């Protein structure tokens, strides 16, 4: 039963993200060093920075699931 609930939640989240991506398809121009630019859809730029935020969090915070046996 929990497995069914998890799949339904995944489907709902996927649909919400798909609608968000389709509504935010306007191109944005990202400018960085030495006058280099890249043009991406807004939803792609947000996804990239969201993924980078998760990656940096996992790298620097880590998981404290180990028991301290002193």
Protein backbone atom coordinates (compact mmCIF):
# COMPACT_ATOMS: atom_id res chain seq x y z
CA UNK A 1 0.00 0.00 0.00
CA UNK A 2 2.85 2.37 0.81
CA UNK A 3 4.47 1.49 -2.51
CA UNK A 4 1.27 2.51 -4.34
CA UNK A 5 1.18 5.80 -2.44
CA UNK A 6 4.82 6.48 -3.32
CA UNK A 7 4.15 5.91 -7.03
CA UNK A 8 1.07 8.14 -6.97
CA UNK A 9 3.11 10.87 -5.29
CA UNK A 10 5.85 10.52 -7.92
CA UNK A 11 3.29 10.81 -10.72
CA UNK A 12 1.75 13.94 -9.18
CA UNK A 13 5.17 15.56 -8.74
CA UNK A 14 6.13 14.66 -12.32
CA UNK A 15 2.93 16.20 -13.70
CA UNK A 16 3.44 19.38 -11.67
CA UNK A 17 7.03 19.69 -12.91
CA UNK A 18 6.02 19.01 -16.51
CA UNK A 19 3.38 21.76 -16.36
CA UNK A 20 5.89 24.12 -14.73
CA UNK A 21 8.44 23.41 -17.49
CA UNK A 22 5.90 23.96 -20.26
CA UNK A 23 4.76 27.28 -18.77
CA UNK A 24 8.34 28.54 -18.32
CA UNK A 25 9.83 27.87 -21.72
CA UNK A 26 10.90 31.47 -22.40
CA UNK A 27 14.59 31.71 -23.24
CA UNK A 28 16.89 33.41 -20.76
CA UNK A 29 20.43 34.50 -21.40
CA UNK A 30 23.00 33.60 -18.76
CA UNK A 31 26.12 35.76 -18.84
CA UNK A 32 29.34 34.71 -17.19
CA UNK A 33 33.04 35.51 -17.30
CA UNK A 34 34.80 37.00 -20.32
CA UNK A 35 31.53 38.06 -21.95
CA UNK A 36 30.46 34.46 -22.57
CA UNK A 37 26.73 33.88 -22.75
CA UNK A 38 24.44 30.91 -23.10
CA UNK A 39 20.73 30.93 -23.89
CA UNK A 40 18.52 28.31 -22.24
CA UNK A 41 14.84 27.90 -21.50
CA UNK A 42 14.02 29.18 -18.02
CA UNK A 43 12.89 25.76 -16.79
CA UNK A 44 16.21 24.18 -17.85
CA UNK A 45 18.23 26.90 -16.12
CA UNK A 46 16.21 26.42 -12.92
CA UNK A 47 16.64 22.65 -13.09
CA UNK A 48 20.41 22.98 -13.52
CA UNK A 49 20.79 25.32 -10.55
CA UNK A 50 18.46 23.20 -8.41
CA UNK A 51 20.55 20.11 -9.18
CA UNK A 52 23.78 22.01 -8.42
CA UNK A 53 22.33 23.10 -5.08
CA UNK A 54 21.50 19.51 -4.18
CA UNK A 55 24.96 18.35 -5.22
CA UNK A 56 26.73 21.03 -3.20
CA UNK A 57 24.57 20.27 -0.17
CA UNK A 58 25.38 16.58 -0.36
CA UNK A 59 29.09 17.27 -0.80
CA UNK A 60 29.50 19.73 2.06
CA UNK A 61 26.91 18.62 4.57
CA UNK A 62 27.08 14.89 4.00
CA UNK A 63 25.08 12.38 5.89
CA UNK A 64 25.50 11.93 9.60
CA UNK A 65 23.99 8.47 9.82
CA UNK A 66 26.99 6.74 11.39
CA UNK A 67 26.80 5.96 15.08
CA UNK A 68 29.47 7.37 17.31
CA UNK A 69 30.70 4.40 19.35
CA UNK A 70 33.02 5.91 21.93
